[in-house]
Amino acid sequence: MLVYPLFIGTWELVLIILVIVLIFGGKKIPELMKGVGKGVKSFKEGISEVEEQINQADPAKPLAKPEEAPKSDETPKAE
């Protein structure tokens, strides 16, 4: 049996959710999730801004998207 150090099973997840409910109460959880959602949105916007700045600095070399990355059997060509 393989044991993954960061794997969270169903019962562990249920226990974590119960502890959160006990600590914060049912009324505070939507507020917490709203704050987490705003934080994730802000993080994504920050990442987009950094990518735009990098692309503006050197528009000839935009960042490669994962689907545009060269295949492992291809070798990058020297410029």
PDB file of N, CA and C in Angstrom:
ATOM      1  N   MET A   1       0.837  -1.183   0.000  1.00  0.00           N
ATOM      2  CA  MET A   1       0.000   0.000   0.000  1.00  0.00           C
ATOM      3  C   MET A   1       0.882   1.248   0.000  1.00  0.00           C
ATOM      4  N   LEU A   2       0.605   2.175  -0.916  1.00  0.00           N
ATOM      5  CA  LEU A   2       1.349   3.424  -0.975  1.00  0.00           C
ATOM      6  C   LEU A   2       0.737   4.435  -0.018  1.00  0.00           C
ATOM      7  N   VAL A   3       1.584   5.150   0.665  1.00  0.00           N
ATOM      8  CA  VAL A   3       1.116   6.175   1.586  1.00  0.00           C
ATOM      9  C   VAL A   3       1.653   7.514   1.098  1.00  0.00           C
ATOM     10  N   TYR A   4       0.737   8.409   0.789  1.00  0.00           N
ATOM     11  CA  TYR A   4       1.122   9.739   0.345  1.00  0.00           C
ATOM     12  C   TYR A   4       1.081  10.677   1.544  1.00  0.00           C
ATOM     13  N   PRO A   5       2.130  11.427   1.781  1.00  0.00           N
ATOM     14  CA  PRO A   5       2.188  12.245   2.989  1.00  0.00           C
ATOM     15  C   PRO A   5       1.145  13.358   3.042  1.00  0.00           C
ATOM     16  N   LEU A   6       0.682  13.865   1.909  1.00  0.00           N
ATOM     17  CA  LEU A   6      -0.278  14.962   1.933  1.00  0.00           C
ATOM     18  C   LEU A   6      -1.674  14.519   1.523  1.00  0.00           C
ATOM     19  N   PHE A   7      -1.907  13.210   1.440  1.00  0.00           N
ATOM     20  CA  PHE A   7      -3.222  12.700   1.054  1.00  0.00           C
ATOM     21  C   PHE A   7      -4.184  12.845   2.216  1.00  0.00           C
ATOM     22  N   ILE A   8      -5.340  13.434   1.919  1.00  0.00           N
ATOM     23  CA  ILE A   8      -6.363  13.597   2.944  1.00  0.00           C
ATOM     24  C   ILE A   8      -7.531  12.707   2.549  1.00  0.00           C
ATOM     25  N   GLY A   9      -7.853  11.756   3.395  1.00  0.00           N
ATOM     26  CA  GLY A   9      -8.957  10.849   3.141  1.00  0.00           C
ATOM     27  C   GLY A   9     -10.291  11.471   3.500  1.00  0.00           C
ATOM     28  N   THR A  10     -11.343  10.721   3.262  1.00  0.00           N
ATOM     29  CA  THR A  10     -12.697  11.209   3.519  1.00  0.00           C
ATOM     30  C   THR A  10     -12.912  11.513   4.994  1.00  0.00           C
ATOM     31  N   TRP A  11     -12.507  10.594   5.871  1.00  0.00           N
ATOM     32  CA  TRP A  11     -12.735  10.806   7.301  1.00  0.00           C
ATOM     33  C   TRP A  11     -11.910  11.957   7.845  1.00  0.00           C
ATOM     34  N   GLU A  12     -10.706  12.124   7.320  1.00  0.00           N
ATOM     35  CA  GLU A  12      -9.889  13.258   7.762  1.00  0.00           C
ATOM     36  C   GLU A  12     -10.529  14.569   7.342  1.00  0.00           C
ATOM     37  N   LEU A  13     -11.068  14.603   6.118  1.00  0.00           N
ATOM     38  CA  LEU A  13     -11.731  15.803   5.625  1.00  0.00           C
ATOM     39  C   LEU A  13     -12.975  16.122   6.453  1.00  0.00           C
ATOM     40  N   VAL A  14     -13.753  15.107   6.791  1.00  0.00           N
ATOM     41  CA  VAL A  14     -14.938  15.304   7.629  1.00  0.00           C
ATOM     42  C   VAL A  14     -14.531  15.843   9.000  1.00  0.00           C
ATOM     43  N   LEU A  15     -13.480  15.301   9.574  1.00  0.00           N
ATOM     44  CA  LEU A  15     -13.004  15.764  10.870  1.00  0.00           C
ATOM     45  C   LEU A  15     -12.545  17.218  10.805  1.00  0.00           C
ATOM     46  N   ILE A  16     -11.839  17.581   9.754  1.00  0.00           N
ATOM     47  CA  ILE A  16     -11.366  18.965   9.593  1.00  0.00           C
ATOM     48  C   ILE A  16     -12.551  19.920   9.474  1.00  0.00           C
ATOM     49  N   ILE A  17     -13.560  19.530   8.690  1.00  0.00           N
ATOM     50  CA  ILE A  17     -14.749  20.378   8.523  1.00  0.00           C
ATOM     51  C   ILE A  17     -15.488  20.538   9.854  1.00  0.00           C
ATOM     52  N   LEU A  18     -15.606  19.452  10.614  1.00  0.00           N
ATOM     53  CA  LEU A  18     -16.268  19.545  11.921  1.00  0.00           C
ATOM     54  C   LEU A  18     -15.518  20.468  12.877  1.00  0.00           C
ATOM     55  N   VAL A  19     -14.214  20.392  12.877  1.00  0.00           N
ATOM     56  CA  VAL A  19     -13.413  21.268  13.745  1.00  0.00           C
ATOM     57  C   VAL A  19     -13.601  22.724  13.332  1.00  0.00           C
ATOM     58  N   ILE A  20     -13.629  22.986  12.031  1.00  0.00           N
ATOM     59  CA  ILE A  20     -13.833  24.361  11.550  1.00  0.00           C
ATOM     60  C   ILE A  20     -15.200  24.878  11.979  1.00  0.00           C
ATOM     61  N   VAL A  21     -16.220  24.043  11.844  1.00  0.00           N
ATOM     62  CA  VAL A  21     -17.568  24.446  12.256  1.00  0.00           C
ATOM     63  C   VAL A  21     -17.606  24.721  13.754  1.00  0.00           C
ATOM     64  N   LEU A  22     -16.947  23.883  14.550  1.00  0.00           N
ATOM     65  CA  LEU A  22     -16.936  24.098  15.998  1.00  0.00           C
ATOM     66  C   LEU A  22     -16.199  25.373  16.380  1.00  0.00           C
ATOM     67  N   ILE A  23     -15.107  25.657  15.691  1.00  0.00           N
ATOM     68  CA  ILE A  23     -14.310  26.840  16.041  1.00  0.00           C
ATOM     69  C   ILE A  23     -15.006  28.129  15.615  1.00  0.00           C
ATOM     70  N   PHE A  24     -15.454  28.178  14.360  1.00  0.00           N
ATOM     71  CA  PHE A  24     -15.984  29.430  13.817  1.00  0.00           C
ATOM     72  C   PHE A  24     -17.495  29.547  13.876  1.00  0.00           C
ATOM     73  N   GLY A  25     -18.198  28.453  13.995  1.00  0.00           N
ATOM     74  CA  GLY A  25     -19.656  28.498  13.993  1.00  0.00           C
ATOM     75  C   GLY A  25     -20.187  28.536  12.569  1.00  0.00           C
ATOM     76  N   GLY A  26     -21.424  28.122  12.409  1.00  0.00           N
ATOM     77  CA  GLY A  26     -22.030  28.027  11.092  1.00  0.00           C
ATOM     78  C   GLY A  26     -22.222  29.354  10.386  1.00  0.00           C
ATOM     79  N   LYS A  27     -22.393  30.426  11.145  1.00  0.00           N
ATOM     80  CA  LYS A  27     -22.653  31.736  10.531  1.00  0.00           C
ATOM     81  C   LYS A  27     -21.399  32.395   9.971  1.00  0.00           C
ATOM     82  N   LYS A  28     -20.258  32.072  10.514  1.00  0.00           N
ATOM     83  CA  LYS A  28     -19.014  32.709  10.066  1.00  0.00           C
ATOM     84  C   LYS A  28     -18.403  32.036   8.840  1.00  0.00           C
ATOM     85  N   ILE A  29     -18.756  30.788   8.572  1.00  0.00           N
ATOM     86  CA  ILE A  29     -18.129  30.047   7.480  1.00  0.00           C
ATOM     87  C   ILE A  29     -18.368  30.702   6.116  1.00  0.00           C
ATOM     88  N   PRO A  30     -19.596  31.138   5.774  1.00  0.00           N
ATOM     89  CA  PRO A  30     -19.765  31.817   4.479  1.00  0.00           C
ATOM     90  C   PRO A  30     -18.898  33.066   4.344  1.00  0.00           C
ATOM     91  N   GLU A  31     -18.752  33.808   5.453  1.00  0.00           N
ATOM     92  CA  GLU A  31     -17.890  34.996   5.426  1.00  0.00           C
ATOM     93  C   GLU A  31     -16.436  34.601   5.185  1.00  0.00           C
ATOM     94  N   LEU A  32     -15.985  33.517   5.821  1.00  0.00           N
ATOM     95  CA  LEU A  32     -14.619  33.050   5.622  1.00  0.00           C
ATOM     96  C   LEU A  32     -14.392  32.620   4.175  1.00  0.00           C
ATOM     97  N   MET A  33     -15.345  31.892   3.609  1.00  0.00           N
ATOM     98  CA  MET A  33     -15.211  31.415   2.230  1.00  0.00           C
ATOM     99  C   MET A  33     -15.228  32.585   1.248  1.00  0.00           C
ATOM    100  N   LYS A  34     -16.014  33.600   1.555  1.00  0.00           N
ATOM    101  CA  LYS A  34     -16.049  34.796   0.713  1.00  0.00           C
ATOM    102  C   LYS A  34     -14.682  35.480   0.724  1.00  0.00           C
ATOM    103  N   GLY A  35     -14.075  35.560   1.888  1.00  0.00           N
ATOM    104  CA  GLY A  35     -12.733  36.141   1.997  1.00  0.00           C
ATOM    105  C   GLY A  35     -11.690  35.325   1.255  1.00  0.00           C
ATOM    106  N   VAL A  36     -11.799  34.001   1.343  1.00  0.00           N
ATOM    107  CA  VAL A  36     -10.863  33.131   0.618  1.00  0.00           C
ATOM    108  C   VAL A  36     -11.042  33.332  -0.878  1.00  0.00           C
ATOM    109  N   GLY A  37     -12.283  33.425  -1.336  1.00  0.00           N
ATOM    110  CA  GLY A  37     -12.559  33.639  -2.758  1.00  0.00           C
ATOM    111  C   GLY A  37     -11.976  34.952  -3.257  1.00  0.00           C
ATOM    112  N   LYS A  38     -12.106  36.002  -2.463  1.00  0.00           N
ATOM    113  CA  LYS A  38     -11.532  37.302  -2.835  1.00  0.00           C
ATOM    114  C   LYS A  38     -10.012  37.217  -2.887  1.00  0.00           C
ATOM    115  N   GLY A  39      -9.421  36.480  -1.957  1.00  0.00           N
ATOM    116  CA  GLY A  39      -7.968  36.331  -1.951  1.00  0.00           C
ATOM    117  C   GLY A  39      -7.471  35.588  -3.177  1.00  0.00           C
ATOM    118  N   VAL A  40      -8.169  34.535  -3.574  1.00  0.00           N
ATOM    119  CA  VAL A  40      -7.784  33.779  -4.766  1.00  0.00           C
ATOM    120  C   VAL A  40      -7.930  34.648  -6.009  1.00  0.00           C
ATOM    121  N   LYS A  41      -9.016  35.406  -6.089  1.00  0.00           N
ATOM    122  CA  LYS A  41      -9.233  36.294  -7.237  1.00  0.00           C
ATOM    123  C   LYS A  41      -8.126  37.337  -7.322  1.00  0.00           C
ATOM    124  N   SER A  42      -7.767  37.917  -6.190  1.00  0.00           N
ATOM    125  CA  SER A  42      -6.696  38.915  -6.154  1.00  0.00           C
ATOM    126  C   SER A  42      -5.363  38.305  -6.573  1.00  0.00           C
ATOM    127  N   PHE A  43      -5.099  37.085  -6.141  1.00  0.00           N
ATOM    128  CA  PHE A  43      -3.865  36.403  -6.507  1.00  0.00           C
ATOM    129  C   PHE A  43      -3.807  36.174  -8.014  1.00  0.00           C
ATOM    130  N   LYS A  44      -4.917  35.715  -8.611  1.00  0.00           N
ATOM    131  CA  LYS A  44      -4.951  35.474 -10.057  1.00  0.00           C
ATOM    132  C   LYS A  44      -4.762  36.775 -10.831  1.00  0.00           C
ATOM    133  N   GLU A  45      -5.370  37.860 -10.355  1.00  0.00           N
ATOM    134  CA  GLU A  45      -5.198  39.154 -11.008  1.00  0.00           C
ATOM    135  C   GLU A  45      -3.739  39.597 -10.933  1.00  0.00           C
ATOM    136  N   GLY A  46      -3.102  39.378  -9.807  1.00  0.00           N
ATOM    137  CA  GLY A  46      -1.687  39.733  -9.660  1.00  0.00           C
ATOM    138  C   GLY A  46      -0.803  38.934 -10.608  1.00  0.00           C
ATOM    139  N   ILE A  47      -1.082  37.649 -10.750  1.00  0.00           N
ATOM    140  CA  ILE A  47      -0.321  36.811 -11.671  1.00  0.00           C
ATOM    141  C   ILE A  47      -0.505  37.306 -13.102  1.00  0.00           C
ATOM    142  N   SER A  48      -1.738  37.661 -13.477  1.00  0.00           N
ATOM    143  CA  SER A  48      -2.011  38.166 -14.826  1.00  0.00           C
ATOM    144  C   SER A  48      -1.252  39.466 -15.087  1.00  0.00           C
ATOM    145  N   GLU A  49      -1.222  40.338 -14.096  1.00  0.00           N
ATOM    146  CA  GLU A  49      -0.495  41.603 -14.249  1.00  0.00           C
ATOM    147  C   GLU A  49       0.995  41.365 -14.458  1.00  0.00           C
ATOM    148  N   VAL A  50       1.566  40.432 -13.716  1.00  0.00           N
ATOM    149  CA  VAL A  50       2.987  40.124 -13.866  1.00  0.00           C
ATOM    150  C   VAL A  50       3.260  39.560 -15.251  1.00  0.00           C
ATOM    151  N   GLU A  51       2.393  38.659 -15.743  1.00  0.00           N
ATOM    152  CA  GLU A  51       2.569  38.105 -17.088  1.00  0.00           C
ATOM    153  C   GLU A  51       2.490  39.197 -18.147  1.00  0.00           C
ATOM    154  N   GLU A  52       1.553  40.146 -17.981  1.00  0.00           N
ATOM    155  CA  GLU A  52       1.424  41.250 -18.922  1.00  0.00           C
ATOM    156  C   GLU A  52       2.679  42.116 -18.910  1.00  0.00           C
ATOM    157  N   GLN A  53       3.219  42.386 -17.735  1.00  0.00           N
ATOM    158  CA  GLN A  53       4.432  43.196 -17.646  1.00  0.00           C
ATOM    159  C   GLN A  53       5.610  42.497 -18.314  1.00  0.00           C
ATOM    160  N   ILE A  54       5.707  41.196 -18.129  1.00  0.00           N
ATOM    161  CA  ILE A  54       6.787  40.439 -18.761  1.00  0.00           C
ATOM    162  C   ILE A  54       6.624  40.466 -20.269  1.00  0.00           C
ATOM    163  N   ASN A  55       5.403  40.288 -20.753  1.00  0.00           N
ATOM    164  CA  ASN A  55       5.159  40.304 -22.190  1.00  0.00           C
ATOM    165  C   ASN A  55       5.394  41.691 -22.782  1.00  0.00           C
ATOM    166  N   GLN A  56       5.101  42.751 -22.040  1.00  0.00           N
ATOM    167  CA  GLN A  56       5.352  44.108 -22.526  1.00  0.00           C
ATOM    168  C   GLN A  56       6.839  44.410 -22.564  1.00  0.00           C
ATOM    169  N   ALA A  57       7.592  43.838 -21.644  1.00  0.00           N
ATOM    170  CA  ALA A  57       9.033  44.072 -21.613  1.00  0.00           C
ATOM    171  C   ALA A  57       9.711  43.438 -22.823  1.00  0.00           C
ATOM    172  N   ASP A  58       9.246  42.267 -23.243  1.00  0.00           N
ATOM    173  CA  ASP A  58       9.815  41.580 -24.397  1.00  0.00           C
ATOM    174  C   ASP A  58       8.686  40.892 -25.161  1.00  0.00           C
ATOM    175  N   PRO A  59       7.955  41.666 -26.014  1.00  0.00           N
ATOM    176  CA  PRO A  59       6.794  41.091 -26.697  1.00  0.00           C
ATOM    177  C   PRO A  59       7.165  40.003 -27.705  1.00  0.00           C
ATOM    178  N   ALA A  60       8.407  39.917 -28.113  1.00  0.00           N
ATOM    179  CA  ALA A  60       8.815  38.882 -29.065  1.00  0.00           C
ATOM    180  C   ALA A  60       8.838  37.508 -28.412  1.00  0.00           C
ATOM    181  N   LYS A  61       8.951  37.451 -27.095  1.00  0.00           N
ATOM    182  CA  LYS A  61       9.019  36.177 -26.375  1.00  0.00           C
ATOM    183  C   LYS A  61       7.913  36.106 -25.327  1.00  0.00           C
ATOM    184  N   PRO A  62       6.658  35.843 -25.744  1.00  0.00           N
ATOM    185  CA  PRO A  62       5.593  35.706 -24.733  1.00  0.00           C
ATOM    186  C   PRO A  62       5.779  34.429 -23.941  1.00  0.00           C
ATOM    187  N   LEU A  63       5.172  34.414 -22.765  1.00  0.00           N
ATOM    188  CA  LEU A  63       5.253  33.223 -21.932  1.00  0.00           C
ATOM    189  C   LEU A  63       4.550  32.062 -22.619  1.00  0.00           C
ATOM    190  N   ALA A  64       5.157  30.893 -22.577  1.00  0.00           N
ATOM    191  CA  ALA A  64       4.559  29.713 -23.187  1.00  0.00           C
ATOM    192  C   ALA A  64       3.467  29.163 -22.289  1.00  0.00           C
ATOM    193  N   LYS A  65       2.326  28.895 -22.880  1.00  0.00           N
ATOM    194  CA  LYS A  65       1.245  28.248 -22.151  1.00  0.00           C
ATOM    195  C   LYS A  65       1.571  26.764 -22.076  1.00  0.00           C
ATOM    196  N   PRO A  66       1.008  26.034 -21.121  1.00  0.00           N
ATOM    197  CA  PRO A  66       1.319  24.607 -21.003  1.00  0.00           C
ATOM    198  C   PRO A  66       1.050  23.825 -22.281  1.00  0.00           C
ATOM    199  N   GLU A  67      -0.013  24.178 -23.048  1.00  0.00           N
ATOM    200  CA  GLU A  67      -0.299  23.445 -24.260  1.00  0.00           C
ATOM    201  C   GLU A  67       0.641  23.837 -25.398  1.00  0.00           C
ATOM    202  N   GLU A  68       1.339  24.972 -25.266  1.00  0.00           N
ATOM    203  CA  GLU A  68       2.258  25.430 -26.291  1.00  0.00           C
ATOM    204  C   GLU A  68       3.704  25.017 -25.999  1.00  0.00           C
ATOM    205  N   ALA A  69       3.946  24.415 -24.879  1.00  0.00           N
ATOM    206  CA  ALA A  69       5.297  24.031 -24.490  1.00  0.00           C
ATOM    207  C   ALA A  69       5.829  22.979 -25.462  1.00  0.00           C
ATOM    208  N   PRO A  70       7.137  23.000 -25.762  1.00  0.00           N
ATOM    209  CA  PRO A  70       7.690  22.004 -26.690  1.00  0.00           C
ATOM    210  C   PRO A  70       7.575  20.599 -26.111  1.00  0.00           C
ATOM    211  N   LYS A  71       7.426  19.641 -27.013  1.00  0.00           N
ATOM    212  CA  LYS A  71       7.335  18.249 -26.585  1.00  0.00           C
ATOM    213  C   LYS A  71       8.693  17.798 -26.073  1.00  0.00           C
ATOM    214  N   SER A  72       8.681  16.765 -25.245  1.00  0.00           N
ATOM    215  CA  SER A  72       9.919  16.320 -24.613  1.00  0.00           C
ATOM    216  C   SER A  72      10.916  15.766 -25.631  1.00  0.00           C
ATOM    217  N   ASP A  73      10.442  15.244 -26.795  1.00  0.00           N
ATOM    218  CA  ASP A  73      11.379  14.685 -27.765  1.00  0.00           C
ATOM    219  C   ASP A  73      11.935  15.758 -28.696  1.00  0.00           C
ATOM    220  N   GLU A  74      11.399  16.983 -28.623  1.00  0.00           N
ATOM    221  CA  GLU A  74      11.911  18.092 -29.433  1.00  0.00           C
ATOM    222  C   GLU A  74      12.983  18.831 -28.639  1.00  0.00           C
ATOM    223  N   THR A  75      14.003  19.259 -29.323  1.00  0.00           N
ATOM    224  CA  THR A  75      15.046  20.051 -28.671  1.00  0.00           C
ATOM    225  C   THR A  75      14.829  21.512 -29.027  1.00  0.00           C
ATOM    226  N   PRO A  76      14.994  22.408 -28.083  1.00  0.00           N
ATOM    227  CA  PRO A  76      14.832  23.836 -28.383  1.00  0.00           C
ATOM    228  C   PRO A  76      15.926  24.290 -29.343  1.00  0.00           C
ATOM    229  N   LYS A  77      15.538  25.161 -30.251  1.00  0.00           N
ATOM    230  CA  LYS A  77      16.487  25.684 -31.226  1.00  0.00           C
ATOM    231  C   LYS A  77      17.149  26.943 -30.670  1.00  0.00           C
ATOM    232  N   ALA A  78      18.441  27.047 -30.893  1.00  0.00           N
ATOM    233  CA  ALA A  78      19.198  28.221 -30.424  1.00  0.00           C
ATOM    234  C   ALA A  78      18.885  29.387 -31.329  1.00  0.00           C
ATOM    235  N   GLU A  79      18.785  30.574 -30.752  1.00  0.00           N
ATOM    236  CA  GLU A  79      18.492  31.772 -31.535  1.00  0.00           C
ATOM    237  C   GLU A  79      19.726  32.587 -31.719  1.00  0.00           C
TER     238      GLU A  79
END
